[in-house]
């Protein structure tokens, strides 16, 4: 009896509490712009309705949370999330709908994303995804899409079992559900581990199917997700093995689509073109014809994407002739100076470098297209970035190896630009400048006058560079010193009396080389204590002539310190032998 009486006494008290909460909320909503509903009495009133056994009060609480969170997405406490998560597990679908909408709104805030998952929000959201109710699917998938943008949440989402229903809902007949599901799948493609989990959930064929949809948002989500999957070797191989129509679909997007889909389609092609098989297939399926108009676009993101794709396509030797015959070469050369975008310039010069390096065919069309005039203009520009200058000099390092291009570099005044760069604080730029000069010195027999002209200018000229790199009392990387020694060797072998005289009569060059040559008689400890200290360029390659002369295997560039020091000493000894031989020849005559 007492228990029953107590129960009956509690009922009116509970009803009064609920009524007070309803009245308070009616008043608060009239001035909602100035009220914080996530704390204090407003939150207590909402929680009272949320935990009520009355369906209409629960629905009112869910609706209120949904509306409030549309305007206010600040970070909230566990106390604010608890009633929303409770409502998410209601037996009534419209209550669930309001609660999931509120969570989706709050999940645009990073702190809220993490807290929702930590408090167990994934499981009820997954249950809603499995519901046949479209509204429930829209809200739950949309919420998970937002949650999946937080890195910490991605692993929990992957392990929660959400990927399979997300993949299934990406095929929904409702466009809103499809978009949210595709967006969630996209957000799960930003790390290699999660990409593998998506592949395991069967997402790849679904993403490829979405390329056939007419909706630009779905096309964008699908192309971007596939672009991320194509970052991995295993992802590209899976696409090659299972999706034979992928390239045709992507090329169609490049030709006719919204700009953002075009950009993503090209970036997907670029990532796929990391593999030989795709490099050939993209060209065979009309990719070059699609890229040319984009390279001529006035919209930088399109130009960047197209140039990046072409850079990868240019890696394959069999693509050189199709690229040259496509009419792209003049466009690429013009972009060097027409585009002020660093990414475009770097991609373009890399593509040109690949095309030149690919085979031994005549390269004069590159020079005739104005390549070296444009390169010189960029190198002379005060606005050229360090990265662009470094790419340009690295390209010259390749171009100078080609007999048909080297004269253009010699006659184009590039030596005057390269000599100051031998003192660059950027190690790779310094290295490439030195190697390019060495390559040009190898042409001294044909253009001795050009090397004589730069012997003492600019910035002290060639002699100053050689003297400083060969000075034994200054720290110098043995690889850089070896390049200087090789350059001297080339000058002495040029058969140019002027060059030979300039080198041998210099007050320090031969004397210091003689000292380096004598290091071979020092002990190992003395060698290590001399001025050859850094290993920042170990493994860098000089030139084919150098490799042939000193038995360097370019396919296996990793050498230990002893190999590098020994080769440097051998170079110095060879120079001294050359000088002695030439002295004897002079004496005989």
Protein backbone atom coordinates (compact mmCIF):
# COMPACT_ATOMS: atom_id res chain seq x y z
CA UNK A 1 0.00 0.00 0.00
CA UNK A 2 2.67 2.40 0.98
CA UNK A 3 4.54 1.74 -2.24
CA UNK A 4 1.43 2.31 -4.36
CA UNK A 5 0.61 5.48 -2.41
CA UNK A 6 4.13 6.72 -2.86
CA UNK A 7 3.91 6.03 -6.60
CA UNK A 8 0.67 7.94 -6.93
CA UNK A 9 2.17 10.85 -5.03
CA UNK A 10 5.12 10.97 -7.43
CA UNK A 11 2.99 11.20 -10.57
CA UNK A 12 1.61 14.71 -10.08
CA UNK A 13 5.07 15.89 -9.00
CA UNK A 14 6.56 14.55 -12.23
CA UNK A 15 3.76 16.06 -14.28
CA UNK A 16 4.30 19.39 -12.59
CA UNK A 17 8.03 19.23 -13.33
CA UNK A 18 7.35 18.49 -16.98
CA UNK A 19 4.79 21.29 -17.17
CA UNK A 20 7.21 23.73 -15.60
CA UNK A 21 9.85 22.66 -18.13
CA UNK A 22 7.45 23.17 -21.06
CA UNK A 23 6.43 26.63 -19.82
CA UNK A 24 10.05 27.64 -19.26
CA UNK A 25 11.05 26.51 -22.76
CA UNK A 26 8.15 28.38 -24.37
CA UNK A 27 9.38 31.54 -22.66
CA UNK A 28 13.02 30.85 -23.51
CA UNK A 29 12.33 30.21 -27.19
CA UNK A 30 10.73 33.64 -27.50
CA UNK A 31 14.15 35.12 -26.72
CA UNK A 32 16.29 32.26 -28.01
CA UNK A 33 18.94 34.53 -29.52
CA UNK A 34 20.13 35.51 -26.04
CA UNK A 35 19.79 32.12 -24.31
CA UNK A 36 22.36 29.34 -23.96
CA UNK A 37 20.41 26.07 -24.08
CA UNK A 38 23.43 23.85 -23.45
CA UNK A 39 23.81 24.66 -19.75
CA UNK A 40 21.97 25.62 -16.60
CA UNK A 41 18.17 25.75 -16.31
CA UNK A 42 17.51 25.71 -20.09
CA UNK A 43 19.44 22.41 -20.41
CA UNK A 44 17.68 21.00 -17.33
CA UNK A 45 14.30 21.83 -18.89
CA UNK A 46 15.24 20.16 -22.20
CA UNK A 47 16.59 17.12 -20.33
CA UNK A 48 13.32 16.82 -18.39
CA UNK A 49 11.40 16.53 -21.66
CA UNK A 50 14.00 14.20 -23.21
CA UNK A 51 13.85 11.70 -20.33
CA UNK A 52 10.05 11.83 -20.09
CA UNK A 53 8.02 8.71 -20.79
CA UNK A 54 5.66 10.84 -22.85
CA UNK A 55 6.24 10.58 -26.58
CA UNK A 56 5.15 14.14 -27.39
CA UNK A 57 7.53 15.60 -24.81
CA UNK A 58 10.42 13.54 -26.20
CA UNK A 59 9.54 14.72 -29.70
CA UNK A 60 9.45 18.33 -28.48
CA UNK A 61 12.90 17.93 -26.89
CA UNK A 62 14.35 16.35 -30.05
CA UNK A 63 12.85 19.07 -32.23
CA UNK A 64 14.13 21.78 -29.88
CA UNK A 65 17.66 20.36 -29.88
CA UNK A 66 17.55 20.16 -33.68
CA UNK A 67 16.47 23.79 -34.07
CA UNK A 68 18.87 25.13 -31.43
CA UNK A 69 21.84 23.32 -32.96
CA UNK A 70 21.14 24.84 -36.36
CA UNK A 71 21.97 28.24 -34.88
CA UNK A 72 24.45 27.32 -32.16
CA UNK A 73 27.21 24.78 -32.83
CA UNK A 74 29.57 25.76 -30.03
CA UNK A 75 31.50 23.04 -28.15
CA UNK A 76 29.15 21.36 -25.67
CA UNK A 77 29.60 19.30 -22.53
CA UNK A 78 28.79 15.65 -21.87
CA UNK A 79 25.75 16.86 -19.92
CA UNK A 80 24.41 18.54 -23.07
CA UNK A 81 25.04 15.52 -25.29
CA UNK A 82 23.60 12.89 -22.94
CA UNK A 83 19.90 13.74 -23.49
CA UNK A 84 20.44 13.94 -27.27
CA UNK A 85 22.09 10.51 -27.34
CA UNK A 86 19.25 9.17 -25.18
CA UNK A 87 16.69 10.50 -27.66
CA UNK A 88 18.68 8.89 -30.49
CA UNK A 89 17.73 5.50 -29.04
CA UNK A 90 14.00 6.25 -28.84
CA UNK A 91 11.56 3.71 -30.26
CA UNK A 92 9.95 6.51 -32.27
CA UNK A 93 11.54 7.26 -35.64
CA UNK A 94 10.66 10.98 -35.64
CA UNK A 95 12.30 11.41 -32.24
CA UNK A 96 15.40 9.65 -33.59
CA UNK A 97 15.25 11.93 -36.63
CA UNK A 98 15.35 15.10 -34.52
CA UNK A 99 18.16 13.78 -32.31
CA UNK A 100 20.34 12.72 -35.24
CA UNK A 101 19.77 16.10 -36.91
CA UNK A 102 20.97 17.80 -33.72
CA UNK A 103 24.07 15.60 -33.56
CA UNK A 104 24.81 16.27 -37.22
CA UNK A 105 24.63 20.01 -36.60
CA UNK A 106 26.84 19.86 -33.53
CA UNK A 107 29.30 17.61 -35.34
CA UNK A 108 30.53 20.48 -37.48
CA UNK A 109 32.55 21.48 -34.41
CA UNK A 110 35.80 19.52 -33.95
CA UNK A 111 35.46 19.11 -30.18
CA UNK A 112 31.89 17.93 -30.53
CA UNK A 113 32.86 15.38 -33.21
CA UNK A 114 35.27 13.71 -30.83
CA UNK A 115 32.96 13.82 -27.82
CA UNK A 116 30.01 12.30 -29.71
CA UNK A 117 32.08 9.27 -30.69
CA UNK A 118 33.71 8.93 -27.28
CA UNK A 119 30.25 8.87 -25.68
CA UNK A 120 29.11 5.99 -27.88
CA UNK A 121 27.21 7.91 -30.54
CA UNK A 122 28.26 5.65 -33.41
CA UNK A 123 26.22 2.57 -32.52
CA UNK A 124 22.77 4.23 -32.51
CA UNK A 125 23.69 6.16 -35.67
CA UNK A 126 24.56 2.89 -37.43
CA UNK A 127 21.22 1.44 -36.35
CA UNK A 128 19.52 4.44 -37.92
CA UNK A 129 21.47 3.91 -41.15
CA UNK A 130 19.95 0.43 -41.30
CA UNK A 131 16.43 1.84 -40.95
CA UNK A 132 14.17 1.75 -44.01
CA UNK A 133 13.13 5.34 -43.21
CA UNK A 134 14.73 7.76 -45.68
CA UNK A 135 14.83 10.70 -43.27
CA UNK A 136 16.58 8.56 -40.67
CA UNK A 137 19.12 7.47 -43.27
CA UNK A 138 19.74 11.05 -44.41
CA UNK A 139 20.40 12.39 -40.92
CA UNK A 140 22.40 9.46 -39.57
CA UNK A 141 24.64 9.22 -42.63
CA UNK A 142 25.07 13.00 -42.69
CA UNK A 143 26.15 12.94 -39.06
CA UNK A 144 28.68 10.16 -39.69
CA UNK A 145 29.99 12.14 -42.67
CA UNK A 146 30.74 15.03 -40.32
CA UNK A 147 32.20 12.75 -37.64
CA UNK A 148 34.52 11.15 -40.22
CA UNK A 149 36.33 14.43 -40.86
CA UNK A 150 38.09 14.06 -37.48
CA UNK A 151 41.19 11.86 -37.75
CA UNK A 152 40.69 10.36 -34.29
CA UNK A 153 37.21 9.18 -35.24
CA UNK A 154 38.11 7.42 -38.48
CA UNK A 155 39.53 4.28 -36.93
CA UNK A 156 36.54 3.96 -34.60
CA UNK A 157 34.18 4.41 -37.54
CA UNK A 158 36.07 1.79 -39.56
CA UNK A 159 35.92 -0.69 -36.68
CA UNK A 160 32.30 0.09 -35.82
CA UNK A 161 30.85 -1.74 -38.82
CA UNK A 162 29.72 1.50 -40.46
CA UNK A 163 31.55 1.02 -43.77
CA UNK A 164 29.31 -1.75 -45.13
CA UNK A 165 26.00 0.15 -44.63
CA UNK A 166 27.64 3.35 -45.92
CA UNK A 167 28.71 1.51 -49.06
CA UNK A 168 25.21 0.09 -49.51
CA UNK A 169 23.56 3.49 -48.98
CA UNK A 170 25.83 5.05 -51.62
CA UNK A 171 23.60 3.11 -54.04
CA UNK A 172 20.38 4.49 -52.53
CA UNK A 173 17.68 5.71 -54.87
CA UNK A 174 17.41 8.86 -52.76
CA UNK A 175 19.94 11.45 -53.92
CA UNK A 176 20.27 12.99 -50.45
CA UNK A 177 21.19 9.64 -48.92
CA UNK A 178 23.58 8.92 -51.78
CA UNK A 179 25.34 12.24 -51.35
CA UNK A 180 25.78 11.83 -47.61
CA UNK A 181 27.01 8.25 -47.96
CA UNK A 182 29.44 9.14 -50.75
CA UNK A 183 30.70 12.06 -48.66
CA UNK A 184 31.29 9.75 -45.70
CA UNK A 185 33.18 7.27 -47.90
CA UNK A 186 35.31 10.14 -49.23
CA UNK A 187 36.17 11.27 -45.70
CA UNK A 188 37.43 7.76 -44.98
CA UNK A 189 39.97 7.81 -47.85
CA UNK A 190 42.51 10.17 -46.33
CA UNK A 191 44.84 7.52 -44.87
CA UNK A 192 46.26 4.31 -46.36
CA UNK A 193 44.87 2.12 -43.57
CA UNK A 194 41.33 3.41 -43.94
CA UNK A 195 41.52 3.13 -47.72
CA UNK A 196 42.32 -0.56 -47.32
CA UNK A 197 39.33 -0.98 -45.02
CA UNK A 198 37.08 0.72 -47.58
CA UNK A 199 38.39 -1.61 -50.26
CA UNK A 200 37.58 -4.53 -47.99
CA UNK A 201 34.03 -3.21 -47.57
CA UNK A 202 33.53 -3.28 -51.35
CA UNK A 203 33.48 0.49 -51.82
CA UNK A 204 35.59 0.63 -55.01
CA UNK A 205 33.01 -0.72 -57.51
CA UNK A 206 30.35 1.47 -55.88
CA UNK A 207 32.52 4.59 -56.27
CA UNK A 208 33.17 3.74 -59.92
CA UNK A 209 29.41 3.25 -60.45
CA UNK A 210 28.82 6.75 -59.03
CA UNK A 211 30.86 8.17 -61.91
CA UNK A 212 27.90 7.28 -64.10
CA UNK A 213 25.48 9.42 -62.07
CA UNK A 214 24.34 12.78 -63.41
CA UNK A 215 24.68 14.63 -60.09
CA UNK A 216 27.87 16.77 -59.97
CA UNK A 217 28.18 16.35 -56.19
CA UNK A 218 28.21 12.57 -56.47
CA UNK A 219 30.70 12.80 -59.33
CA UNK A 220 32.93 15.02 -57.20
CA UNK A 221 32.81 12.74 -54.14
CA UNK A 222 33.48 9.64 -56.26
CA UNK A 223 36.36 11.11 -58.29
CA UNK A 224 38.01 12.54 -55.17
CA UNK A 225 37.69 9.25 -53.28
CA UNK A 226 39.10 7.31 -56.25
CA UNK A 227 41.93 9.84 -56.55
CA UNK A 228 42.87 9.11 -52.92
CA UNK A 229 42.63 5.35 -53.43
CA UNK A 230 44.91 5.70 -56.46
CA UNK A 231 47.65 7.14 -54.23
CA UNK A 232 48.51 3.59 -53.07
CA UNK A 233 50.25 1.00 -55.25
CA UNK A 234 47.74 -1.63 -54.15
CA UNK A 235 44.81 0.70 -54.87
CA UNK A 236 46.01 1.39 -58.41
CA UNK A 237 46.56 -2.31 -59.04
CA UNK A 238 43.06 -3.13 -57.80
CA UNK A 239 41.57 -0.48 -60.08
CA UNK A 240 43.58 -1.82 -63.01
CA UNK A 241 42.50 -5.39 -62.34
CA UNK A 242 38.80 -4.75 -61.69
CA UNK A 243 37.74 -1.47 -63.36
CA UNK A 244 38.58 -1.57 -67.09
CA UNK A 245 36.26 1.32 -67.95
CA UNK A 246 37.67 3.74 -65.38
CA UNK A 247 39.94 5.73 -67.70
CA UNK A 248 37.19 6.32 -70.27
CA UNK A 249 34.86 7.60 -67.53
CA UNK A 250 37.49 9.97 -66.15
CA UNK A 251 38.44 11.30 -69.60
CA UNK A 252 34.75 12.04 -70.23
CA UNK A 253 34.67 14.13 -67.05
CA UNK A 254 37.74 16.06 -68.18
CA UNK A 255 35.99 16.94 -71.43
CA UNK A 256 32.59 17.95 -70.07
CA UNK A 257 31.83 18.53 -66.42
CA UNK A 258 31.85 21.15 -63.68
CA UNK A 259 35.25 22.68 -62.94
CA UNK A 260 35.68 21.00 -59.57
CA UNK A 261 34.85 17.59 -61.05
CA UNK A 262 37.23 18.26 -63.94
CA UNK A 263 40.02 19.07 -61.48
CA UNK A 264 39.42 15.91 -59.46
CA UNK A 265 39.15 13.73 -62.55
CA UNK A 266 42.52 15.03 -63.78
CA UNK A 267 44.09 14.51 -60.35
CA UNK A 268 42.79 10.94 -60.37
CA UNK A 269 44.38 10.43 -63.79
CA UNK A 270 47.59 11.94 -62.42
CA UNK A 271 47.69 9.51 -59.50
CA UNK A 272 46.87 6.56 -61.74
CA UNK A 273 49.65 7.70 -64.07
CA UNK A 274 52.19 6.81 -61.39
CA UNK A 275 52.13 3.34 -63.05
CA UNK A 276 53.48 2.49 -66.49
CA UNK A 277 50.32 0.70 -67.56
CA UNK A 278 48.11 3.68 -66.82
CA UNK A 279 50.56 6.13 -68.40
CA UNK A 280 50.12 4.31 -71.68
CA UNK A 281 46.38 3.71 -71.34
CA UNK A 282 45.53 7.34 -70.57
CA UNK A 283 47.35 8.50 -73.72
CA UNK A 284 45.82 5.68 -75.80
CA UNK A 285 42.30 6.65 -74.64
CA UNK A 286 42.54 10.30 -75.69
CA UNK A 287 43.86 11.84 -72.49
CA UNK A 288 46.23 14.22 -74.28
CA UNK A 289 43.47 15.76 -76.38
CA UNK A 290 41.56 16.46 -73.17
CA UNK A 291 44.54 18.00 -71.37
CA UNK A 292 45.53 20.54 -74.02
CA UNK A 293 42.49 22.85 -73.61
CA UNK A 294 42.90 22.77 -69.83
CA UNK A 295 46.53 23.84 -70.08
CA UNK A 296 45.23 26.87 -71.98
CA UNK A 297 42.59 27.64 -69.34
CA UNK A 298 42.60 30.86 -67.34
CA UNK A 299 41.70 28.98 -64.14
CA UNK A 300 44.82 28.06 -62.16
CA UNK A 301 43.48 24.90 -60.45
CA UNK A 302 42.67 23.40 -63.86
CA UNK A 303 46.10 24.31 -65.24
CA UNK A 304 47.84 22.90 -62.14
CA UNK A 305 45.90 19.63 -62.36
CA UNK A 306 46.53 19.24 -66.09
CA UNK A 307 50.24 20.07 -65.78
CA UNK A 308 50.64 17.59 -62.91
CA UNK A 309 48.94 14.86 -64.93
CA UNK A 310 51.09 15.57 -67.98
CA UNK A 311 54.22 15.46 -65.84
CA UNK A 312 53.42 11.84 -64.90
CA UNK A 313 52.42 10.88 -68.43
CA UNK A 314 55.74 12.24 -69.71
CA UNK A 315 57.66 9.70 -67.61
CA UNK A 316 56.98 6.85 -70.04
CA UNK A 317 59.36 6.86 -73.04
CA UNK A 318 56.63 5.59 -75.37
CA UNK A 319 54.56 8.70 -74.63
CA UNK A 320 57.18 11.18 -75.85
CA UNK A 321 56.18 11.12 -79.52
CA UNK A 322 52.40 11.20 -78.89
CA UNK A 323 52.91 14.18 -76.57
CA UNK A 324 55.06 16.05 -79.08
CA UNK A 325 52.64 15.30 -81.92
CA UNK A 326 49.65 16.44 -79.82
CA UNK A 327 50.67 20.10 -80.07
CA UNK A 328 51.24 20.38 -76.32
CA UNK A 329 54.96 21.32 -76.50
CA UNK A 330 54.50 25.02 -77.46
CA UNK A 331 51.83 25.35 -74.79
CA UNK A 332 54.15 23.90 -72.14
CA UNK A 333 57.00 26.19 -73.11
CA UNK A 334 54.75 29.26 -73.05
CA UNK A 335 53.44 28.33 -69.60
CA UNK A 336 56.93 28.70 -68.14
CA UNK A 337 56.62 32.48 -68.44
CA UNK A 338 52.88 33.00 -68.90
CA UNK A 339 51.93 31.34 -65.63
CA UNK A 340 52.95 33.07 -62.45
CA UNK A 341 51.92 29.99 -60.49
CA UNK A 342 54.83 28.14 -58.88
CA UNK A 343 53.12 24.73 -59.04
CA UNK A 344 52.39 25.10 -62.74
CA UNK A 345 55.96 26.13 -63.52
CA UNK A 346 57.43 23.24 -61.51
CA UNK A 347 55.13 20.65 -63.11
CA UNK A 348 55.79 21.99 -66.60
CA UNK A 349 59.59 22.05 -66.34
CA UNK A 350 59.50 18.53 -64.84
CA UNK A 351 57.43 17.32 -67.78
CA UNK A 352 59.85 18.92 -70.26
CA UNK A 353 62.79 17.35 -68.43
CA UNK A 354 61.13 13.92 -68.63
CA UNK A 355 60.47 14.29 -72.34
CA UNK A 356 64.08 15.21 -73.07
CA UNK A 357 65.49 12.44 -70.88
CA UNK A 358 63.27 9.70 -72.28
CA UNK A 359 65.21 8.77 -75.43
CA UNK A 360 68.00 9.80 -77.76
CA UNK A 361 65.85 11.24 -80.56
CA UNK A 362 66.55 14.72 -81.93
CA UNK A 363 65.55 17.31 -79.33
CA UNK A 364 65.88 20.43 -81.45
CA UNK A 365 62.06 20.92 -81.50
CA UNK A 366 62.35 21.85 -77.82
CA UNK A 367 64.86 24.58 -78.58
CA UNK A 368 62.90 25.72 -81.63
CA UNK A 369 59.81 26.11 -79.44
CA UNK A 370 61.71 28.73 -77.45
CA UNK A 371 62.41 26.56 -74.41
CA UNK A 372 65.71 28.18 -73.47
CA UNK A 373 64.52 31.74 -74.03
CA UNK A 374 61.64 31.10 -71.62
CA UNK A 375 63.87 29.34 -69.09
CA UNK A 376 66.36 32.21 -69.11
CA UNK A 377 63.55 34.73 -68.63
CA UNK A 378 62.36 32.85 -65.56
CA UNK A 379 65.86 32.50 -64.10
CA UNK A 380 66.45 36.23 -64.57
CA UNK A 381 63.12 37.18 -63.01
CA UNK A 382 63.32 38.54 -59.45
CA UNK A 383 59.88 37.01 -58.85
CA UNK A 384 60.98 33.42 -59.57
CA UNK A 385 60.62 31.29 -56.43
CA UNK A 386 63.48 29.19 -55.05
CA UNK A 387 61.57 26.02 -55.95
CA UNK A 388 61.12 27.08 -59.57
CA UNK A 389 64.79 28.05 -59.91
CA UNK A 390 65.80 24.69 -58.43
CA UNK A 391 63.57 22.82 -60.91
CA UNK A 392 64.94 24.88 -63.80
CA UNK A 393 68.55 24.14 -62.91
CA UNK A 394 67.78 20.44 -62.37
CA UNK A 395 66.31 20.43 -65.88
CA UNK A 396 69.40 22.12 -67.32
CA UNK A 397 71.41 19.35 -65.70
CA UNK A 398 69.48 16.89 -67.91
CA UNK A 399 69.36 19.07 -71.04
CA UNK A 400 73.13 19.59 -71.11
CA UNK A 401 73.62 15.85 -71.58
CA UNK A 402 71.88 16.05 -74.96
CA UNK A 403 74.27 16.99 -77.77
CA UNK A 404 71.56 18.80 -79.70
CA UNK A 405 70.59 21.01 -76.72
CA UNK A 406 73.97 21.71 -75.10
CA UNK A 407 74.92 24.38 -77.69
CA UNK A 408 71.77 26.34 -76.90
CA UNK A 409 72.72 26.35 -73.22
CA UNK A 410 76.30 27.38 -73.94
CA UNK A 411 75.32 30.12 -76.36
CA UNK A 412 72.33 31.24 -74.32
CA UNK A 413 74.29 32.80 -71.48
CA UNK A 414 73.34 30.17 -68.90
CA UNK A 415 76.88 29.83 -67.58
CA UNK A 416 76.66 33.39 -66.25
CA UNK A 417 73.48 32.41 -64.39
CA UNK A 418 74.81 29.10 -63.06
CA UNK A 419 78.12 30.28 -61.58
CA UNK A 420 76.51 32.41 -58.79
CA UNK A 421 74.23 29.46 -57.94
CA UNK A 422 77.26 27.32 -57.00
CA UNK A 423 77.20 29.31 -53.75
CA UNK A 424 73.49 28.74 -53.10
CA UNK A 425 72.57 27.70 -49.54
CA UNK A 426 70.14 25.19 -51.08
CA UNK A 427 72.14 21.98 -51.35
CA UNK A 428 70.29 20.45 -54.30
CA UNK A 429 70.31 23.72 -56.24
CA UNK A 430 74.03 24.11 -55.58
CA UNK A 431 74.65 20.52 -56.65
CA UNK A 432 72.68 20.80 -59.89
CA UNK A 433 74.38 24.09 -60.79
CA UNK A 434 77.80 22.50 -60.30
CA UNK A 435 76.90 19.38 -62.30
CA UNK A 436 75.47 21.44 -65.16
CA UNK A 437 78.66 23.52 -65.32
CA UNK A 438 80.62 20.27 -65.35
CA UNK A 439 78.48 19.05 -68.25
CA UNK A 440 79.12 22.26 -70.16
CA UNK A 441 82.86 21.92 -69.46
CA UNK A 442 82.63 18.58 -71.23
CA UNK A 443 81.68 20.52 -74.37
CA UNK A 444 84.69 22.80 -74.03
CA UNK A 445 86.31 21.39 -77.13
CA UNK A 446 83.46 22.86 -79.17
CA UNK A 447 82.89 26.06 -77.20
CA UNK A 448 86.12 26.91 -75.42
CA UNK A 449 85.58 30.61 -76.03
CA UNK A 450 82.39 30.61 -73.95
CA UNK A 451 84.21 29.07 -70.97
CA UNK A 452 87.11 31.48 -71.36
CA UNK A 453 84.63 34.39 -71.26
CA UNK A 454 83.28 33.30 -67.87
CA UNK A 455 86.66 32.40 -66.35
CA UNK A 456 86.69 35.43 -64.04
CA UNK A 457 83.13 36.80 -64.29
CA UNK A 458 80.43 37.04 -63.02
CA UNK A 459 81.04 36.91 -59.25
CA UNK A 460 84.63 35.87 -59.73
CA UNK A 461 83.67 33.52 -62.54
CA UNK A 462 84.49 29.87 -63.09
CA UNK A 463 87.95 30.16 -61.53
CA UNK A 464 86.53 31.48 -58.26
CA UNK A 465 84.03 28.60 -58.04
CA UNK A 466 86.73 25.99 -58.71
CA UNK A 467 89.27 27.57 -56.38
CA UNK A 468 86.85 27.77 -53.46
CA UNK A 469 85.59 24.19 -53.90
CA UNK A 470 89.14 22.84 -54.09
CA UNK A 471 90.57 24.79 -51.16
CA UNK A 472 91.77 22.11 -48.73
CA UNK A 473 91.50 24.27 -45.64
CA UNK A 474 87.74 24.75 -45.98
CA UNK A 475 84.97 22.27 -45.26
CA UNK A 476 83.49 20.94 -48.49
CA UNK A 477 81.26 18.00 -49.27
CA UNK A 478 83.40 15.38 -51.06
CA UNK A 479 80.73 14.96 -53.72
CA UNK A 480 80.78 18.67 -54.56
CA UNK A 481 84.58 18.65 -54.49
CA UNK A 482 84.56 15.67 -56.86
CA UNK A 483 82.36 17.62 -59.27
CA UNK A 484 84.86 20.49 -59.24
CA UNK A 485 87.70 18.03 -59.89
CA UNK A 486 85.78 16.47 -62.77
CA UNK A 487 85.15 19.95 -64.21
CA UNK A 488 88.90 20.67 -64.13
CA UNK A 489 89.51 17.32 -65.84
CA UNK A 490 87.11 18.29 -68.64
CA UNK A 491 88.80 21.66 -69.10
CA UNK A 492 92.26 20.10 -69.29
CA UNK A 493 91.05 17.54 -71.84
CA UNK A 494 89.40 20.20 -74.01
CA UNK A 495 92.49 20.63 -76.21
CA UNK A 496 91.97 24.36 -75.82
CA UNK A 497 95.35 26.05 -75.13
CA UNK A 498 93.58 29.02 -73.57
CA UNK A 499 91.59 26.93 -71.11
CA UNK A 500 94.53 24.69 -70.24
CA UNK A 501 96.68 27.74 -69.59
CA UNK A 502 94.01 29.40 -67.42
CA UNK A 503 93.71 26.28 -65.28
CA UNK A 504 97.40 25.41 -64.93
CA UNK A 505 98.54 28.99 -64.33
CA UNK A 506 95.96 29.66 -61.62
CA UNK A 507 97.66 30.41 -58.29
CA UNK A 508 95.77 27.80 -56.24
CA UNK A 509 93.70 25.34 -58.32
CA UNK A 510 96.43 22.84 -59.27
CA UNK A 511 98.31 23.29 -55.96
CA UNK A 512 95.21 22.36 -53.97
CA UNK A 513 94.41 19.45 -56.26
CA UNK A 514 97.93 18.16 -55.63
CA UNK A 515 97.27 18.34 -51.88
CA UNK A 516 93.99 16.41 -52.32
CA UNK A 517 95.80 13.78 -54.39
CA UNK A 518 98.33 13.30 -51.60
CA UNK A 519 95.58 12.45 -49.12
CA UNK A 520 95.85 8.93 -50.44
CA UNK A 521 99.00 8.52 -48.33
CA UNK A 522 97.31 9.69 -45.11
CA UNK A 523 95.99 7.36 -42.45
CA UNK A 524 92.24 6.82 -42.13
CA UNK A 525 92.04 9.04 -39.05
CA UNK A 526 93.94 11.84 -40.81
CA UNK A 527 91.59 11.51 -43.77
CA UNK A 528 88.52 11.85 -41.55
CA UNK A 529 90.01 14.85 -39.77
CA UNK A 530 90.64 16.72 -43.01
CA UNK A 531 88.11 19.15 -44.40
CA UNK A 532 85.71 16.64 -46.00
CA UNK A 533 82.86 16.53 -43.55
CA UNK A 534 79.29 16.25 -44.81
CA UNK A 535 77.37 13.52 -46.56
CA UNK A 536 74.35 15.53 -47.71
CA UNK A 537 74.90 14.63 -51.38
CA UNK A 538 75.78 10.97 -51.03
CA UNK A 539 74.07 9.06 -53.81
CA UNK A 540 73.70 12.06 -56.13
CA UNK A 541 74.66 11.42 -59.74
CA UNK A 542 77.04 13.56 -61.80
CA UNK A 543 77.04 12.73 -65.51
CA UNK A 544 77.14 9.75 -67.85
CA UNK A 545 80.75 10.56 -68.81
CA UNK A 546 81.76 10.66 -65.16
CA UNK A 547 79.91 7.40 -64.43
CA UNK A 548 81.64 5.67 -67.33
CA UNK A 549 85.09 6.99 -66.41
CA UNK A 550 84.90 6.00 -62.75
CA UNK A 551 82.72 2.91 -62.86
CA UNK A 552 79.74 4.42 -61.06
CA UNK A 553 76.56 2.36 -61.36
CA UNK A 554 73.65 4.83 -61.66
CA UNK A 555 71.19 2.05 -60.84
CA UNK A 556 72.91 1.50 -57.49
CA UNK A 557 73.92 4.97 -56.30
CA UNK A 558 74.23 4.19 -52.58
CA UNK A 559 77.90 4.33 -51.72
CA UNK A 560 79.73 4.36 -48.44
CA UNK A 561 82.09 7.12 -47.33
CA UNK A 562 85.19 5.17 -48.34
CA UNK A 563 83.97 4.87 -51.94
CA UNK A 564 83.28 8.60 -52.15
CA UNK A 565 86.60 9.67 -50.64
CA UNK A 566 88.54 7.19 -52.73
CA UNK A 567 86.92 8.40 -55.93
CA UNK A 568 87.65 12.01 -55.00
CA UNK A 569 91.32 11.18 -54.43
CA UNK A 570 91.47 9.23 -57.71
CA UNK A 571 90.03 12.24 -59.51
CA UNK A 572 92.65 14.52 -58.02
CA UNK A 573 95.43 12.11 -58.94
CA UNK A 574 94.11 11.91 -62.51
CA UNK A 575 94.17 15.69 -62.78
CA UNK A 576 97.78 15.82 -61.59
CA UNK A 577 98.71 13.14 -64.14
CA UNK A 578 97.05 15.17 -66.88
CA UNK A 579 98.98 18.27 -65.87
CA UNK A 580 102.27 16.34 -65.82
CA UNK A 581 101.59 14.81 -69.22
CA UNK A 582 100.76 18.18 -70.70
CA UNK A 583 103.92 19.68 -69.18
CA UNK A 584 105.97 16.89 -70.79
CA UNK A 585 104.27 17.49 -74.13
CA UNK A 586 105.15 21.17 -73.93
CA UNK A 587 108.75 20.32 -72.97
CA UNK A 588 109.08 17.88 -75.91
CA UNK A 589 107.87 20.50 -78.32
